[in-house]
Amino acid sequence: MSPRQLPLPLALPPERGAPVLPDSSNAVARTWLAAPDDWPGGRLALFGPEGVGKSLLLRQAAARLGLRVLEGSALRGVPDGLPSAVDDADCAAEEEALFHLINACSSTGALLLLAGREPPARWRVKLPDLASRLRAIHAVEVEEPSEQLLRALLAHHFAERQVRVDPATQDWLLLRLPREAAAVSLAAARLDRAALAAGGAVTRALARQVLADLPFFGAEEDAAADDVSVADGAGGSNRHPTLL
C-alpha cells in the first residue's frame, strides 16, 4: 500500500490581490464605493452574508482611498480618526472603541467604511449612543452572486488551491451546490483536502462522498429532475425510460 498523504490545515492567504468581478450582486456597492464624496456624513457600511466579497471590496476601496484597514476583532481602546475601514465591524472587540472611532472620524471629517453581516442598524450593541450612531450610517447590501459569478468563484477557489478540476466536473458541482458563495468556498476547500488525502483527482464520486452532508447538496439537481418528470408525465407517449 502506498503511504497516505495527510493534508495540513494551513490557512490560505487573504485574497487581497484578487480582482473584484463586476456582477449584479455587487453593482450597487461598487457604485457607492466609487463615489466617497456622496457618502452621507462620510460614512458607509457594506453588509451581506459570508463569502460574497465584502472584505475584498472593503480592502480594495481602502487601498484606493488611502484608508487604514482595521479588524473588528482587534478594535480596542480609543482609536484616532484617521480615514479608516473596519472589516467585521459588527464583531468589534470593544463597543467603546467603535463608538470613539465613529466620533473621531465625524469630528475630523475623515472617511469611515465598515463591513458586517447585517446593516449597522441591526447590530446588537449595548451602548445606546453607539446604536444611535450606527442607525445613521448608510448601508449598502452585497448580495449572493449570480450564476455567472458563482461559476467564476468556483474556478477561482480551485485555481487558488492549485486543484485541477475539469470544466465538466465543475458544471456538475454547480448544479448540486446551494446558490451561495459560502457554500462554493466550503465545497472547494473540502474537495481540496479530500483529493490531497486520497492522492487523486477531484471526481464526482469523491464529491458525493465529501459533500453529502452539505445542506441542500443536490437540491438543484433534484428539482431539475422533478421538472423533467412532470414535463414527461404531461406528454404520456413521449416518456423515455431512465438510464441507470
C-alpha atoms as a PDB file:
ATOM      1  CA  MET A   1       0.000   0.000   0.000  1.00  0.00           C
ATOM      2  CA  SER A   2       1.295   3.438  -0.850  1.00  0.00           C
ATOM      3  CA  PRO A   3       1.610   5.820   2.098  1.00  0.00           C
ATOM      4  CA  ARG A   4      -1.357   8.130   2.550  1.00  0.00           C
ATOM      5  CA  GLN A   5      -0.634  11.832   2.256  1.00  0.00           C
ATOM      6  CA  LEU A   6      -2.193  13.783   5.105  1.00  0.00           C
ATOM      7  CA  PRO A   7      -3.425  17.286   4.351  1.00  0.00           C
ATOM      8  CA  LEU A   8      -2.160  20.040   6.629  1.00  0.00           C
ATOM      9  CA  PRO A   9      -4.773  22.541   7.900  1.00  0.00           C
ATOM     10  CA  LEU A  10      -2.945  25.562   6.539  1.00  0.00           C
ATOM     11  CA  ALA A  11      -4.872  28.806   6.219  1.00  0.00           C
ATOM     12  CA  LEU A  12      -4.913  30.360   2.783  1.00  0.00           C
ATOM     13  CA  PRO A  13      -3.662  33.931   2.463  1.00  0.00           C
ATOM     14  CA  PRO A  14      -6.315  36.656   2.141  1.00  0.00           C
ATOM     15  CA  GLU A  15      -7.401  37.327  -1.418  1.00  0.00           C
ATOM     16  CA  ARG A  16      -6.299  40.943  -1.330  1.00  0.00           C
ATOM     17  CA  GLY A  17      -4.894  40.809  -4.852  1.00  0.00           C
ATOM     18  CA  ALA A  18      -7.860  39.038  -6.409  1.00  0.00           C
ATOM     19  CA  PRO A  19      -9.986  41.125  -8.744  1.00  0.00           C
ATOM     20  CA  VAL A  20     -13.500  42.207  -7.839  1.00  0.00           C
ATOM     21  CA  LEU A  21     -15.594  40.673 -10.594  1.00  0.00           C
ATOM     22  CA  PRO A  22     -18.370  43.033 -11.722  1.00  0.00           C
ATOM     23  CA  ASP A  23     -21.723  41.424 -11.045  1.00  0.00           C
ATOM     24  CA  SER A  24     -25.312  42.433 -10.411  1.00  0.00           C
ATOM     25  CA  SER A  25     -24.832  41.288  -6.813  1.00  0.00           C
ATOM     26  CA  ASN A  26     -22.180  43.929  -6.088  1.00  0.00           C
ATOM     27  CA  ALA A  27     -23.120  46.640  -8.598  1.00  0.00           C
ATOM     28  CA  VAL A  28     -24.751  48.962  -6.048  1.00  0.00           C
ATOM     29  CA  ALA A  29     -21.844  48.568  -3.622  1.00  0.00           C
ATOM     30  CA  ARG A  30     -19.288  49.297  -6.356  1.00  0.00           C
ATOM     31  CA  THR A  31     -21.179  52.437  -7.347  1.00  0.00           C
ATOM     32  CA  TRP A  32     -21.155  53.771  -3.787  1.00  0.00           C
ATOM     33  CA  LEU A  33     -17.517  52.853  -3.194  1.00  0.00           C
ATOM     34  CA  ALA A  34     -16.529  54.751  -6.334  1.00  0.00           C
ATOM     35  CA  ALA A  35     -18.136  57.970  -5.018  1.00  0.00           C
ATOM     36  CA  PRO A  36     -16.903  58.605  -1.446  1.00  0.00           C
ATOM     37  CA  ASP A  37     -17.948  62.265  -1.687  1.00  0.00           C
ATOM     38  CA  ASP A  38     -21.550  61.031  -1.754  1.00  0.00           C
ATOM     39  CA  TRP A  39     -21.319  59.024   1.490  1.00  0.00           C
ATOM     40  CA  PRO A  40     -23.735  60.635   3.970  1.00  0.00           C
ATOM     41  CA  GLY A  41     -21.584  62.112   6.713  1.00  0.00           C
ATOM     42  CA  GLY A  42     -18.531  60.496   5.136  1.00  0.00           C
ATOM     43  CA  ARG A  43     -19.592  57.068   6.384  1.00  0.00           C
ATOM     44  CA  LEU A  44     -20.635  53.905   4.553  1.00  0.00           C
ATOM     45  CA  ALA A  45     -21.289  50.306   5.572  1.00  0.00           C
ATOM     46  CA  LEU A  46     -21.252  47.169   3.431  1.00  0.00           C
ATOM     47  CA  PHE A  47     -23.313  44.206   4.589  1.00  0.00           C
ATOM     48  CA  GLY A  48     -24.190  40.757   3.345  1.00  0.00           C
ATOM     49  CA  PRO A  49     -23.761  37.034   4.061  1.00  0.00           C
ATOM     50  CA  GLU A  50     -20.429  35.285   4.391  1.00  0.00           C
ATOM     51  CA  GLY A  51     -18.351  34.843   1.259  1.00  0.00           C
ATOM     52  CA  VAL A  52     -19.981  37.427  -1.016  1.00  0.00           C
ATOM     53  CA  GLY A  53     -16.873  39.620  -1.226  1.00  0.00           C
ATOM     54  CA  LYS A  54     -17.468  42.330   1.401  1.00  0.00           C
ATOM     55  CA  SER A  55     -13.927  42.094   2.766  1.00  0.00           C
ATOM     56  CA  LEU A  56     -12.406  42.170  -0.694  1.00  0.00           C
ATOM     57  CA  LEU A  57     -14.466  45.208  -1.697  1.00  0.00           C
ATOM     58  CA  LEU A  58     -13.584  46.954   1.567  1.00  0.00           C
ATOM     59  CA  ARG A  59      -9.850  46.298   1.277  1.00  0.00           C
ATOM     60  CA  GLN A  60      -9.591  47.334  -2.330  1.00  0.00           C
ATOM     61  CA  ALA A  61     -11.600  50.501  -1.684  1.00  0.00           C
ATOM     62  CA  ALA A  62      -9.349  51.215   1.319  1.00  0.00           C
ATOM     63  CA  ALA A  63      -6.230  50.880  -0.832  1.00  0.00           C
ATOM     64  CA  ARG A  64      -7.668  53.210  -3.454  1.00  0.00           C
ATOM     65  CA  LEU A  65      -8.926  55.825  -0.965  1.00  0.00           C
ATOM     66  CA  GLY A  66      -5.982  55.731   1.426  1.00  0.00           C
ATOM     67  CA  LEU A  67      -7.880  54.246   4.372  1.00  0.00           C
ATOM     68  CA  ARG A  68      -6.115  52.219   7.039  1.00  0.00           C
ATOM     69  CA  VAL A  69      -7.706  48.777   7.481  1.00  0.00           C
ATOM     70  CA  LEU A  70      -8.678  47.636  10.975  1.00  0.00           C
ATOM     71  CA  GLU A  71     -10.074  44.276  12.085  1.00  0.00           C
ATOM     72  CA  GLY A  72     -13.168  44.418  14.253  1.00  0.00           C
ATOM     73  CA  SER A  73     -11.857  41.640  16.469  1.00  0.00           C
ATOM     74  CA  ALA A  74      -8.814  43.790  17.301  1.00  0.00           C
ATOM     75  CA  LEU A  75     -10.647  47.095  17.763  1.00  0.00           C
ATOM     76  CA  ARG A  76      -9.868  48.293  21.299  1.00  0.00           C
ATOM     77  CA  GLY A  77      -9.058  51.457  23.163  1.00  0.00           C
ATOM     78  CA  VAL A  78      -9.549  54.931  21.730  1.00  0.00           C
ATOM     79  CA  PRO A  79      -8.534  54.841  18.051  1.00  0.00           C
ATOM     80  CA  ASP A  80      -7.867  58.144  16.331  1.00  0.00           C
ATOM     81  CA  GLY A  81      -9.961  59.461  13.491  1.00  0.00           C
ATOM     82  CA  LEU A  82      -7.741  58.734  10.519  1.00  0.00           C
ATOM     83  CA  PRO A  83      -9.694  57.725   7.421  1.00  0.00           C
ATOM     84  CA  SER A  84     -10.416  54.109   8.312  1.00  0.00           C
ATOM     85  CA  ALA A  85     -12.021  50.901   7.091  1.00  0.00           C
ATOM     86  CA  VAL A  86     -13.144  48.313   9.654  1.00  0.00           C
ATOM     87  CA  ASP A  87     -13.733  44.751   8.486  1.00  0.00           C
ATOM     88  CA  ASP A  88     -16.112  42.634  10.602  1.00  0.00           C
ATOM     89  CA  ALA A  89     -17.048  45.802  12.435  1.00  0.00           C
ATOM     90  CA  ASP A  90     -20.116  44.026  13.820  1.00  0.00           C
ATOM     91  CA  CYS A  91     -17.675  41.889  15.842  1.00  0.00           C
ATOM     92  CA  ALA A  92     -15.787  44.796  17.431  1.00  0.00           C
ATOM     93  CA  ALA A  93     -13.793  43.642  20.445  1.00  0.00           C
ATOM     94  CA  GLU A  94     -14.903  46.722  22.379  1.00  0.00           C
ATOM     95  CA  GLU A  95     -18.064  48.685  21.634  1.00  0.00           C
ATOM     96  CA  GLU A  96     -16.473  51.767  23.166  1.00  0.00           C
ATOM     97  CA  ALA A  97     -13.642  51.617  20.625  1.00  0.00           C
ATOM     98  CA  LEU A  98     -16.065  51.569  17.692  1.00  0.00           C
ATOM     99  CA  PHE A  99     -18.024  54.402  19.291  1.00  0.00           C
ATOM    100  CA  HIS A 100     -14.882  56.523  19.702  1.00  0.00           C
ATOM    101  CA  LEU A 101     -13.758  55.780  16.140  1.00  0.00           C
ATOM    102  CA  ILE A 102     -17.084  56.908  14.683  1.00  0.00           C
ATOM    103  CA  ASN A 103     -16.970  60.089  16.757  1.00  0.00           C
ATOM    104  CA  ALA A 104     -13.345  60.809  15.835  1.00  0.00           C
ATOM    105  CA  CYS A 105     -13.999  60.393  12.112  1.00  0.00           C
ATOM    106  CA  SER A 106     -17.104  62.537  12.377  1.00  0.00           C
ATOM    107  CA  SER A 107     -15.326  65.355  14.195  1.00  0.00           C
ATOM    108  CA  THR A 108     -12.423  65.450  11.711  1.00  0.00           C
ATOM    109  CA  GLY A 109     -14.440  64.792   8.553  1.00  0.00           C
ATOM    110  CA  ALA A 110     -12.454  61.614   7.870  1.00  0.00           C
ATOM    111  CA  LEU A 111     -13.987  58.825   5.783  1.00  0.00           C
ATOM    112  CA  LEU A 112     -15.160  55.696   7.588  1.00  0.00           C
ATOM    113  CA  LEU A 113     -16.010  52.413   5.829  1.00  0.00           C
ATOM    114  CA  LEU A 114     -17.451  49.466   7.754  1.00  0.00           C
ATOM    115  CA  ALA A 115     -18.370  45.893   6.823  1.00  0.00           C
ATOM    116  CA  GLY A 116     -20.560  43.347   8.609  1.00  0.00           C
ATOM    117  CA  ARG A 117     -23.104  40.629   8.014  1.00  0.00           C
ATOM    118  CA  GLU A 118     -26.106  42.798   8.905  1.00  0.00           C
ATOM    119  CA  PRO A 119     -26.832  46.501   8.399  1.00  0.00           C
ATOM    120  CA  PRO A 120     -25.355  48.538  11.278  1.00  0.00           C
ATOM    121  CA  ALA A 121     -28.855  49.420  12.475  1.00  0.00           C
ATOM    122  CA  ARG A 122     -29.325  45.717  13.332  1.00  0.00           C
ATOM    123  CA  TRP A 123     -26.040  45.170  15.143  1.00  0.00           C
ATOM    124  CA  ARG A 124     -26.573  44.028  18.703  1.00  0.00           C
ATOM    125  CA  VAL A 125     -24.832  46.646  20.807  1.00  0.00           C
ATOM    126  CA  LYS A 126     -25.350  47.643  24.419  1.00  0.00           C
ATOM    127  CA  LEU A 127     -24.290  51.292  24.229  1.00  0.00           C
ATOM    128  CA  PRO A 128     -27.365  53.413  23.338  1.00  0.00           C
ATOM    129  CA  ASP A 129     -25.199  56.193  21.871  1.00  0.00           C
ATOM    130  CA  LEU A 130     -23.388  53.710  19.637  1.00  0.00           C
ATOM    131  CA  ALA A 131     -26.687  52.235  18.475  1.00  0.00           C
ATOM    132  CA  SER A 132     -27.860  55.728  17.553  1.00  0.00           C
ATOM    133  CA  ARG A 133     -24.737  56.419  15.503  1.00  0.00           C
ATOM    134  CA  LEU A 134     -24.930  53.064  13.759  1.00  0.00           C
ATOM    135  CA  ARG A 135     -28.518  53.735  12.690  1.00  0.00           C
ATOM    136  CA  ALA A 136     -27.339  56.921  10.985  1.00  0.00           C
ATOM    137  CA  ILE A 137     -24.803  55.122   8.758  1.00  0.00           C
ATOM    138  CA  HIS A 138     -25.889  54.488   5.190  1.00  0.00           C
ATOM    139  CA  ALA A 139     -25.745  50.727   4.481  1.00  0.00           C
ATOM    140  CA  VAL A 140     -25.366  49.002   1.111  1.00  0.00           C
ATOM    141  CA  GLU A 141     -26.015  45.304   0.601  1.00  0.00           C
ATOM    142  CA  VAL A 142     -23.672  42.941  -1.220  1.00  0.00           C
ATOM    143  CA  GLU A 143     -25.966  40.163  -2.408  1.00  0.00           C
ATOM    144  CA  GLU A 144     -25.409  36.496  -3.186  1.00  0.00           C
ATOM    145  CA  PRO A 145     -23.598  36.151  -6.530  1.00  0.00           C
ATOM    146  CA  SER A 146     -25.251  35.462  -9.858  1.00  0.00           C
ATOM    147  CA  GLU A 147     -24.847  32.128 -11.620  1.00  0.00           C
ATOM    148  CA  GLN A 148     -22.035  33.542 -13.745  1.00  0.00           C
ATOM    149  CA  LEU A 149     -20.144  34.815 -10.705  1.00  0.00           C
ATOM    150  CA  LEU A 150     -20.665  31.536  -8.822  1.00  0.00           C
ATOM    151  CA  ARG A 151     -19.032  29.738 -11.725  1.00  0.00           C
ATOM    152  CA  ALA A 152     -16.099  32.162 -11.677  1.00  0.00           C
ATOM    153  CA  LEU A 153     -15.783  31.845  -7.875  1.00  0.00           C
ATOM    154  CA  LEU A 154     -15.640  28.052  -8.001  1.00  0.00           C
ATOM    155  CA  ALA A 155     -12.945  28.148 -10.677  1.00  0.00           C
ATOM    156  CA  HIS A 156     -11.035  30.765  -8.670  1.00  0.00           C
ATOM    157  CA  HIS A 157     -11.128  28.715  -5.448  1.00  0.00           C
ATOM    158  CA  PHE A 158      -9.802  25.638  -7.240  1.00  0.00           C
ATOM    159  CA  ALA A 159      -7.089  27.654  -9.003  1.00  0.00           C
ATOM    160  CA  GLU A 160      -6.082  29.323  -5.737  1.00  0.00           C
ATOM    161  CA  ARG A 161      -5.593  25.897  -4.173  1.00  0.00           C
ATOM    162  CA  GLN A 162      -3.869  24.597  -7.302  1.00  0.00           C
ATOM    163  CA  VAL A 163      -6.505  21.897  -7.716  1.00  0.00           C
ATOM    164  CA  ARG A 164      -7.203  20.864 -11.293  1.00  0.00           C
ATOM    165  CA  VAL A 165     -10.885  20.119 -11.849  1.00  0.00           C
ATOM    166  CA  ASP A 166     -12.137  19.685 -15.390  1.00  0.00           C
ATOM    167  CA  PRO A 167     -14.912  22.059 -16.565  1.00  0.00           C
ATOM    168  CA  ALA A 168     -17.477  19.246 -16.834  1.00  0.00           C
ATOM    169  CA  THR A 169     -16.989  18.326 -13.177  1.00  0.00           C
ATOM    170  CA  GLN A 170     -17.235  21.978 -12.163  1.00  0.00           C
ATOM    171  CA  ASP A 171     -20.520  22.267 -14.073  1.00  0.00           C
ATOM    172  CA  TRP A 172     -21.734  19.099 -12.342  1.00  0.00           C
ATOM    173  CA  LEU A 173     -20.844  20.576  -8.946  1.00  0.00           C
ATOM    174  CA  LEU A 174     -22.590  23.875  -9.650  1.00  0.00           C
ATOM    175  CA  LEU A 175     -25.824  22.021 -10.406  1.00  0.00           C
ATOM    176  CA  ARG A 176     -25.738  20.433  -6.965  1.00  0.00           C
ATOM    177  CA  LEU A 177     -24.360  23.156  -4.699  1.00  0.00           C
ATOM    178  CA  PRO A 178     -26.504  25.744  -2.912  1.00  0.00           C
ATOM    179  CA  ARG A 179     -26.520  29.050  -4.763  1.00  0.00           C
ATOM    180  CA  GLU A 180     -24.376  30.724  -2.120  1.00  0.00           C
ATOM    181  CA  ALA A 181     -20.795  31.979  -2.242  1.00  0.00           C
ATOM    182  CA  ALA A 182     -20.019  30.461   1.176  1.00  0.00           C
ATOM    183  CA  ALA A 183     -21.165  27.014   0.001  1.00  0.00           C
ATOM    184  CA  VAL A 184     -18.955  27.219  -3.092  1.00  0.00           C
ATOM    185  CA  SER A 185     -15.943  28.184  -0.970  1.00  0.00           C
ATOM    186  CA  LEU A 186     -16.594  25.412   1.560  1.00  0.00           C
ATOM    187  CA  ALA A 187     -17.018  22.791  -1.174  1.00  0.00           C
ATOM    188  CA  ALA A 188     -13.732  23.768  -2.837  1.00  0.00           C
ATOM    189  CA  ALA A 189     -11.873  23.608   0.484  1.00  0.00           C
ATOM    190  CA  ARG A 190     -13.297  20.190   1.351  1.00  0.00           C
ATOM    191  CA  LEU A 191     -12.548  18.750  -2.065  1.00  0.00           C
ATOM    192  CA  ASP A 192      -9.019  20.114  -1.947  1.00  0.00           C
ATOM    193  CA  ARG A 193      -8.309  18.354   1.367  1.00  0.00           C
ATOM    194  CA  ALA A 194     -10.017  15.138   0.282  1.00  0.00           C
ATOM    195  CA  ALA A 195      -8.161  14.940  -3.045  1.00  0.00           C
ATOM    196  CA  LEU A 196      -4.856  15.600  -1.302  1.00  0.00           C
ATOM    197  CA  ALA A 197      -5.526  12.889   1.285  1.00  0.00           C
ATOM    198  CA  ALA A 198      -6.619  10.393  -1.366  1.00  0.00           C
ATOM    199  CA  GLY A 199      -3.734  11.264  -3.658  1.00  0.00           C
ATOM    200  CA  GLY A 200      -6.027  11.541  -6.651  1.00  0.00           C
ATOM    201  CA  ALA A 201      -8.141  13.907  -8.688  1.00  0.00           C
ATOM    202  CA  VAL A 202     -11.454  15.513  -7.775  1.00  0.00           C
ATOM    203  CA  THR A 203     -14.085  13.153  -9.171  1.00  0.00           C
ATOM    204  CA  ARG A 204     -17.843  13.021  -8.958  1.00  0.00           C
ATOM    205  CA  ALA A 205     -17.637  10.001  -6.673  1.00  0.00           C
ATOM    206  CA  LEU A 206     -15.300  11.863  -4.336  1.00  0.00           C
ATOM    207  CA  ALA A 207     -17.581  14.907  -4.372  1.00  0.00           C
ATOM    208  CA  ARG A 208     -20.644  12.812  -3.499  1.00  0.00           C
ATOM    209  CA  GLN A 209     -18.785  11.327  -0.554  1.00  0.00           C
ATOM    210  CA  VAL A 210     -17.238  14.551   0.743  1.00  0.00           C
ATOM    211  CA  LEU A 211     -20.197  16.894   0.218  1.00  0.00           C
ATOM    212  CA  ALA A 212     -23.065  14.561   1.119  1.00  0.00           C
ATOM    213  CA  ASP A 213     -23.686  16.311   4.455  1.00  0.00           C
ATOM    214  CA  LEU A 214     -23.609  19.814   2.969  1.00  0.00           C
ATOM    215  CA  PRO A 215     -27.077  21.368   3.431  1.00  0.00           C
ATOM    216  CA  PHE A 216     -29.128  21.189   0.242  1.00  0.00           C
ATOM    217  CA  PHE A 217     -26.360  19.425  -1.687  1.00  0.00           C
ATOM    218  CA  GLY A 218     -28.033  18.050  -4.816  1.00  0.00           C
ATOM    219  CA  ALA A 219     -31.216  20.089  -4.327  1.00  0.00           C
ATOM    220  CA  GLU A 220     -30.862  21.884  -7.664  1.00  0.00           C
ATOM    221  CA  GLU A 221     -30.367  18.592  -9.472  1.00  0.00           C
ATOM    222  CA  ASP A 222     -33.356  17.009  -7.740  1.00  0.00           C
ATOM    223  CA  ALA A 223     -35.549  19.985  -8.623  1.00  0.00           C
ATOM    224  CA  ALA A 224     -34.461  19.798 -12.262  1.00  0.00           C
ATOM    225  CA  ALA A 225     -35.199  16.071 -12.314  1.00  0.00           C
ATOM    226  CA  ASP A 226     -38.659  16.710 -10.855  1.00  0.00           C
ATOM    227  CA  ASP A 227     -39.365  19.311 -13.545  1.00  0.00           C
ATOM    228  CA  VAL A 228     -38.345  16.864 -16.267  1.00  0.00           C
ATOM    229  CA  SER A 229     -40.510  14.151 -14.707  1.00  0.00           C
ATOM    230  CA  VAL A 230     -43.562  16.416 -14.611  1.00  0.00           C
ATOM    231  CA  ALA A 231     -42.973  17.533 -18.203  1.00  0.00           C
ATOM    232  CA  ASP A 232     -42.606  13.934 -19.385  1.00  0.00           C
ATOM    233  CA  GLY A 233     -45.704  12.888 -17.492  1.00  0.00           C
ATOM    234  CA  ALA A 234     -47.763  15.539 -19.234  1.00  0.00           C
ATOM    235  CA  GLY A 235     -46.883  14.110 -22.623  1.00  0.00           C
ATOM    236  CA  GLY A 236     -47.628  10.479 -21.833  1.00  0.00           C
ATOM    237  CA  SER A 237     -46.418   8.848 -25.057  1.00  0.00           C
ATOM    238  CA  ASN A 238     -43.233  10.981 -25.113  1.00  0.00           C
ATOM    239  CA  ARG A 239     -41.804   9.484 -21.927  1.00  0.00           C
ATOM    240  CA  HIS A 240     -38.418   7.770 -22.081  1.00  0.00           C
ATOM    241  CA  PRO A 241     -37.058   5.154 -19.697  1.00  0.00           C
ATOM    242  CA  THR A 242     -34.456   6.363 -17.187  1.00  0.00           C
ATOM    243  CA  LEU A 243     -30.989   5.033 -17.933  1.00  0.00           C
ATOM    244  CA  LEU A 244     -29.071   3.921 -14.819  1.00  0.00           C
END
